[in-house]
Amino acid sequence: MERIDVRERLQKAPDLPALPQTVSRLLEALRDPDVRVEALSEEIAFDQALAARILRLVNSSFYGLPNRVADLRQAVVVLGLQTVQNVVLSISLADAFRGIASRDFPPEPFWVHTIAAGLVSQRLAARAALPEANDAFVAGLLHDIGKLLLLRLFPEGFAGVLQAARAEDRFIREVEKRAFTVGHAGLGGWLAAEWRLPEGIVHGIRYHHAPGKSEHPFAAVVHVADALVRAFGVGSGGTDLVPPIDAGAWRRLGLDGVDLDDLVAELHWCLAGVGETAAVLFDGGGRG
């Protein structure tokens, strides 16, 4: 079977998702180590639908506040800067791809998986004392974005890949090689570069299945995070298979010798709010 030429199709696809302006402004604001609650609240307030969803999250049963929060600034204080930035990035990027789904590839488990991968990536980057841990969250969040692009550009072809991967009990990336000239990791890295995202994010996406090919530590971060989240069974990247963890990536993050029970407990703790974040994404509060 002749493989589909992905690059040729990209040249004829001017309507690819653009990086949401909210994400651009937020990433720029977060470059400032002294970013204040007021500044972040003002950025969010530009998008009324986004602000409403932040308020919906802070008033959810997960936080169990005695009194309802109606002020955006107070919501940011209660949730904390890191949680707010993660939620805003998740919502904005998921909205950019809203409507790209199929019966074989529903959006809810996909975004639950990627949000979880983002949170674990952020935690692993912090444990390894890597700079720009916020960028690690974005790299994890977007690591499988190439799958959505393949679904959008080649709905029948990608559906065939999913069906074959499940029937043959193989990883999606393995079956992609038979169907496409570029797989989801390479395609996702290409989009991140088109969006002019930082190099670490691009490498985290492009090399999350081959961390040894990149000198940037985010490749190792996202690789390990993806495997752990799959092992935890949080969401779905399309199949239930759990990939092996590259030993070099594990060592690079300083995880040799760590107590695995302690690490798992720590990561489960940082995943506590994934369900609530996903509920805000898919509660009908988007733009359609």
Foldseek 3Di string as FASTA:
>chain_A
DDADEPVVLVVVCPPQQAQDPLLVVLVVLVVDVPRDLVNNLVSQVVDVLSLVLLQVLLQDVLVPDPDRDDDSSVSCVSCDVLSSSLLSNLQRVCLSLPPQADPLGHDLLQQQLQQLLLLQLLVLCVLLVHPPSVLLSLLSNQLQVLLSVCCVSPVVLSVVLLVVCAVVVHDSQVSSVVHHPDDSQCSSLVVCVVNVHDPLSSLCNNQCVPLVVDPRLSSLSSVVSSLVSLVVVGGDPRDSDRDDRDPVSCVSSVNPPPDVVVVVVVSVVSSSCSVSSSCSNPVPSHDD
